[in-house]
Amino acid sequence: MSLPMKAKTDKITLLSNPEALKILREYVEREREKTGAVPLIAQRVLDYLQKFSKVPVEKASEFREKLASLGLREESIVMIMNICPQTIDELFTLLVFEEKTPEKENLEAILSLVKEYCLQSQ
């Protein structure tokens, strides 16, 4: 039986599904070039992220920046990017990490961004 590895990190960054998809695609491409194969777990996670990412990869960082400019915490931003709520009630349930509930104008601004950046066919 192997022992778990301990790693020391300086900073933890929360990633949304599309951000993780971008990183994993780059990893998979490098692995295919180096070894001609991809670990099964990497392929499964890649398949999952491709199926469930609701924001185009090329727009993810821009979407994150706009949500951050509204004063949202990183946890809330990631949940909004992953779930893409369609109503204020859905959005409200994702804001549990916020110290205070954003004003109605901010909630509407968030939903406007969701409509702009999230794929509607999902």
C-alpha atoms as a PDB file:
ATOM      1  CA  MET A   1       0.000   0.000   0.000  1.00  0.00           C
ATOM      2  CA  SER A   2       1.385   3.376  -0.960  1.00  0.00           C
ATOM      3  CA  LEU A   3       1.374   6.370   1.319  1.00  0.00           C
ATOM      4  CA  PRO A   4      -0.304   9.595   0.219  1.00  0.00           C
ATOM      5  CA  MET A   5       2.038  12.258  -1.071  1.00  0.00           C
ATOM      6  CA  LYS A   6       2.218  15.536   0.765  1.00  0.00           C
ATOM      7  CA  ALA A   7       2.749  18.656  -1.254  1.00  0.00           C
ATOM      8  CA  LYS A   8       3.308  22.167  -0.049  1.00  0.00           C
ATOM      9  CA  THR A   9       1.611  24.902  -2.023  1.00  0.00           C
ATOM     10  CA  ASP A  10       1.999  28.637  -1.795  1.00  0.00           C
ATOM     11  CA  LYS A  11      -1.308  29.532  -3.375  1.00  0.00           C
ATOM     12  CA  ILE A  12      -4.502  27.744  -4.283  1.00  0.00           C
ATOM     13  CA  THR A  13      -6.445  28.935  -7.299  1.00  0.00           C
ATOM     14  CA  LEU A  14     -10.008  27.841  -7.853  1.00  0.00           C
ATOM     15  CA  LEU A  15     -10.693  26.889 -11.469  1.00  0.00           C
ATOM     16  CA  SER A  16     -13.954  26.821 -13.327  1.00  0.00           C
ATOM     17  CA  ASN A  17     -14.723  23.947 -15.685  1.00  0.00           C
ATOM     18  CA  PRO A  18     -13.697  25.859 -18.838  1.00  0.00           C
ATOM     19  CA  GLU A  19     -10.431  26.999 -17.234  1.00  0.00           C
ATOM     20  CA  ALA A  20      -9.651  23.418 -16.183  1.00  0.00           C
ATOM     21  CA  LEU A  21     -10.578  22.258 -19.692  1.00  0.00           C
ATOM     22  CA  LYS A  22      -8.025  24.619 -21.238  1.00  0.00           C
ATOM     23  CA  ILE A  23      -5.251  23.377 -18.939  1.00  0.00           C
ATOM     24  CA  LEU A  24      -6.165  19.723 -19.441  1.00  0.00           C
ATOM     25  CA  ARG A  25      -6.302  20.080 -23.238  1.00  0.00           C
ATOM     26  CA  GLU A  26      -2.759  21.472 -23.181  1.00  0.00           C
ATOM     27  CA  TYR A  27      -1.611  18.596 -20.957  1.00  0.00           C
ATOM     28  CA  VAL A  28      -3.252  15.974 -23.182  1.00  0.00           C
ATOM     29  CA  GLU A  29      -1.634  17.460 -26.296  1.00  0.00           C
ATOM     30  CA  ARG A  30       1.807  17.388 -24.627  1.00  0.00           C
ATOM     31  CA  GLU A  31       1.314  13.795 -23.482  1.00  0.00           C
ATOM     32  CA  ARG A  32       0.214  12.680 -26.942  1.00  0.00           C
ATOM     33  CA  GLU A  33       3.282  14.326 -28.490  1.00  0.00           C
ATOM     34  CA  LYS A  34       5.667  12.836 -25.906  1.00  0.00           C
ATOM     35  CA  THR A  35       4.275   9.345 -25.414  1.00  0.00           C
ATOM     36  CA  GLY A  36       1.581   8.866 -28.034  1.00  0.00           C
ATOM     37  CA  ALA A  37      -0.922   8.035 -25.288  1.00  0.00           C
ATOM     38  CA  VAL A  38      -2.986   9.769 -22.639  1.00  0.00           C
ATOM     39  CA  PRO A  39      -3.676   8.433 -19.128  1.00  0.00           C
ATOM     40  CA  LEU A  40      -7.225   7.080 -18.886  1.00  0.00           C
ATOM     41  CA  ILE A  41      -8.141   9.367 -15.984  1.00  0.00           C
ATOM     42  CA  ALA A  42      -7.013  12.428 -17.951  1.00  0.00           C
ATOM     43  CA  GLN A  43      -9.116  11.340 -20.921  1.00  0.00           C
ATOM     44  CA  ARG A  44     -12.175  10.764 -18.723  1.00  0.00           C
ATOM     45  CA  VAL A  45     -11.846  14.151 -17.049  1.00  0.00           C
ATOM     46  CA  LEU A  46     -11.333  15.780 -20.452  1.00  0.00           C
ATOM     47  CA  ASP A  47     -14.511  14.106 -21.754  1.00  0.00           C
ATOM     48  CA  TYR A  48     -16.433  15.298 -18.688  1.00  0.00           C
ATOM     49  CA  LEU A  49     -15.210  18.883 -19.001  1.00  0.00           C
ATOM     50  CA  GLN A  50     -15.958  18.998 -22.722  1.00  0.00           C
ATOM     51  CA  LYS A  51     -19.487  17.792 -22.046  1.00  0.00           C
ATOM     52  CA  PHE A  52     -20.291  19.995 -19.064  1.00  0.00           C
ATOM     53  CA  SER A  53     -18.385  23.261 -19.586  1.00  0.00           C
ATOM     54  CA  LYS A  54     -20.972  25.939 -20.249  1.00  0.00           C
ATOM     55  CA  VAL A  55     -18.604  28.790 -21.114  1.00  0.00           C
ATOM     56  CA  PRO A  56     -16.400  28.780 -24.226  1.00  0.00           C
ATOM     57  CA  VAL A  57     -12.769  28.269 -23.184  1.00  0.00           C
ATOM     58  CA  GLU A  58     -11.626  31.366 -25.064  1.00  0.00           C
ATOM     59  CA  LYS A  59     -14.086  33.566 -23.118  1.00  0.00           C
ATOM     60  CA  ALA A  60     -13.535  32.110 -19.633  1.00  0.00           C
ATOM     61  CA  SER A  61     -10.881  34.543 -18.377  1.00  0.00           C
ATOM     62  CA  GLU A  62     -12.811  37.554 -19.652  1.00  0.00           C
ATOM     63  CA  PHE A  63     -15.992  36.275 -17.959  1.00  0.00           C
ATOM     64  CA  ARG A  64     -14.079  35.710 -14.695  1.00  0.00           C
ATOM     65  CA  GLU A  65     -12.646  39.259 -14.792  1.00  0.00           C
ATOM     66  CA  LYS A  66     -16.067  40.814 -15.344  1.00  0.00           C
ATOM     67  CA  LEU A  67     -17.580  38.837 -12.465  1.00  0.00           C
ATOM     68  CA  ALA A  68     -14.642  39.813 -10.237  1.00  0.00           C
ATOM     69  CA  SER A  69     -15.176  43.475 -11.123  1.00  0.00           C
ATOM     70  CA  LEU A  70     -18.604  43.174  -9.488  1.00  0.00           C
ATOM     71  CA  GLY A  71     -16.912  42.370  -6.180  1.00  0.00           C
ATOM     72  CA  LEU A  72     -17.712  38.659  -6.052  1.00  0.00           C
ATOM     73  CA  ARG A  73     -15.558  36.172  -4.180  1.00  0.00           C
ATOM     74  CA  GLU A  74     -13.597  33.592  -6.136  1.00  0.00           C
ATOM     75  CA  GLU A  75     -15.809  30.746  -4.867  1.00  0.00           C
ATOM     76  CA  SER A  76     -18.942  32.461  -6.149  1.00  0.00           C
ATOM     77  CA  ILE A  77     -17.334  33.271  -9.486  1.00  0.00           C
ATOM     78  CA  VAL A  78     -16.395  29.649 -10.104  1.00  0.00           C
ATOM     79  CA  MET A  79     -19.866  28.391  -9.185  1.00  0.00           C
ATOM     80  CA  ILE A  80     -21.520  30.961 -11.458  1.00  0.00           C
ATOM     81  CA  MET A  81     -19.212  30.014 -14.340  1.00  0.00           C
ATOM     82  CA  ASN A  82     -19.863  26.293 -13.846  1.00  0.00           C
ATOM     83  CA  ILE A  83     -23.622  26.423 -13.359  1.00  0.00           C
ATOM     84  CA  CYS A  84     -24.650  29.501 -15.395  1.00  0.00           C
ATOM     85  CA  PRO A  85     -27.806  30.322 -13.422  1.00  0.00           C
ATOM     86  CA  GLN A  86     -30.731  31.642 -15.430  1.00  0.00           C
ATOM     87  CA  THR A  87     -32.824  33.292 -12.704  1.00  0.00           C
ATOM     88  CA  ILE A  88     -32.195  35.458  -9.662  1.00  0.00           C
ATOM     89  CA  ASP A  89     -33.390  32.587  -7.430  1.00  0.00           C
ATOM     90  CA  GLU A  90     -30.843  30.207  -8.986  1.00  0.00           C
ATOM     91  CA  LEU A  91     -28.126  32.856  -8.701  1.00  0.00           C
ATOM     92  CA  PHE A  92     -29.024  33.642  -5.101  1.00  0.00           C
ATOM     93  CA  THR A  93     -28.341  30.028  -4.036  1.00  0.00           C
ATOM     94  CA  LEU A  94     -24.795  30.264  -5.463  1.00  0.00           C
ATOM     95  CA  LEU A  95     -23.864  33.318  -3.416  1.00  0.00           C
ATOM     96  CA  VAL A  96     -23.515  31.535  -0.054  1.00  0.00           C
ATOM     97  CA  PHE A  97     -19.837  32.554   0.250  1.00  0.00           C
ATOM     98  CA  GLU A  98     -20.553  36.259  -0.070  1.00  0.00           C
ATOM     99  CA  GLU A  99     -20.412  38.291   3.136  1.00  0.00           C
ATOM    100  CA  LYS A 100     -23.544  40.144   2.103  1.00  0.00           C
ATOM    101  CA  THR A 101     -26.074  39.635  -0.631  1.00  0.00           C
ATOM    102  CA  PRO A 102     -25.379  41.842  -3.657  1.00  0.00           C
ATOM    103  CA  GLU A 103     -27.906  44.534  -4.494  1.00  0.00           C
ATOM    104  CA  LYS A 104     -30.613  43.697  -7.035  1.00  0.00           C
ATOM    105  CA  GLU A 105     -28.814  45.763  -9.701  1.00  0.00           C
ATOM    106  CA  ASN A 106     -25.674  43.649  -9.235  1.00  0.00           C
ATOM    107  CA  LEU A 107     -27.695  40.437  -9.398  1.00  0.00           C
ATOM    108  CA  GLU A 108     -29.206  41.581 -12.674  1.00  0.00           C
ATOM    109  CA  ALA A 109     -25.754  42.559 -13.973  1.00  0.00           C
ATOM    110  CA  ILE A 110     -24.471  39.070 -13.124  1.00  0.00           C
ATOM    111  CA  LEU A 111     -27.370  37.439 -14.970  1.00  0.00           C
ATOM    112  CA  SER A 112     -26.715  39.700 -17.936  1.00  0.00           C
ATOM    113  CA  LEU A 113     -23.103  38.486 -18.015  1.00  0.00           C
ATOM    114  CA  VAL A 114     -24.291  34.882 -17.738  1.00  0.00           C
ATOM    115  CA  LYS A 115     -26.509  35.377 -20.785  1.00  0.00           C
ATOM    116  CA  GLU A 116     -23.606  36.939 -22.658  1.00  0.00           C
ATOM    117  CA  TYR A 117     -20.967  34.301 -21.857  1.00  0.00           C
ATOM    118  CA  CYS A 118     -22.761  31.024 -21.205  1.00  0.00           C
ATOM    119  CA  LEU A 119     -23.790  28.669 -23.970  1.00  0.00           C
ATOM    120  CA  GLN A 120     -27.570  28.554 -24.054  1.00  0.00           C
ATOM    121  CA  SER A 121     -27.876  25.104 -25.622  1.00  0.00           C
ATOM    122  CA  GLN A 122     -26.601  23.304 -22.514  1.00  0.00           C
END
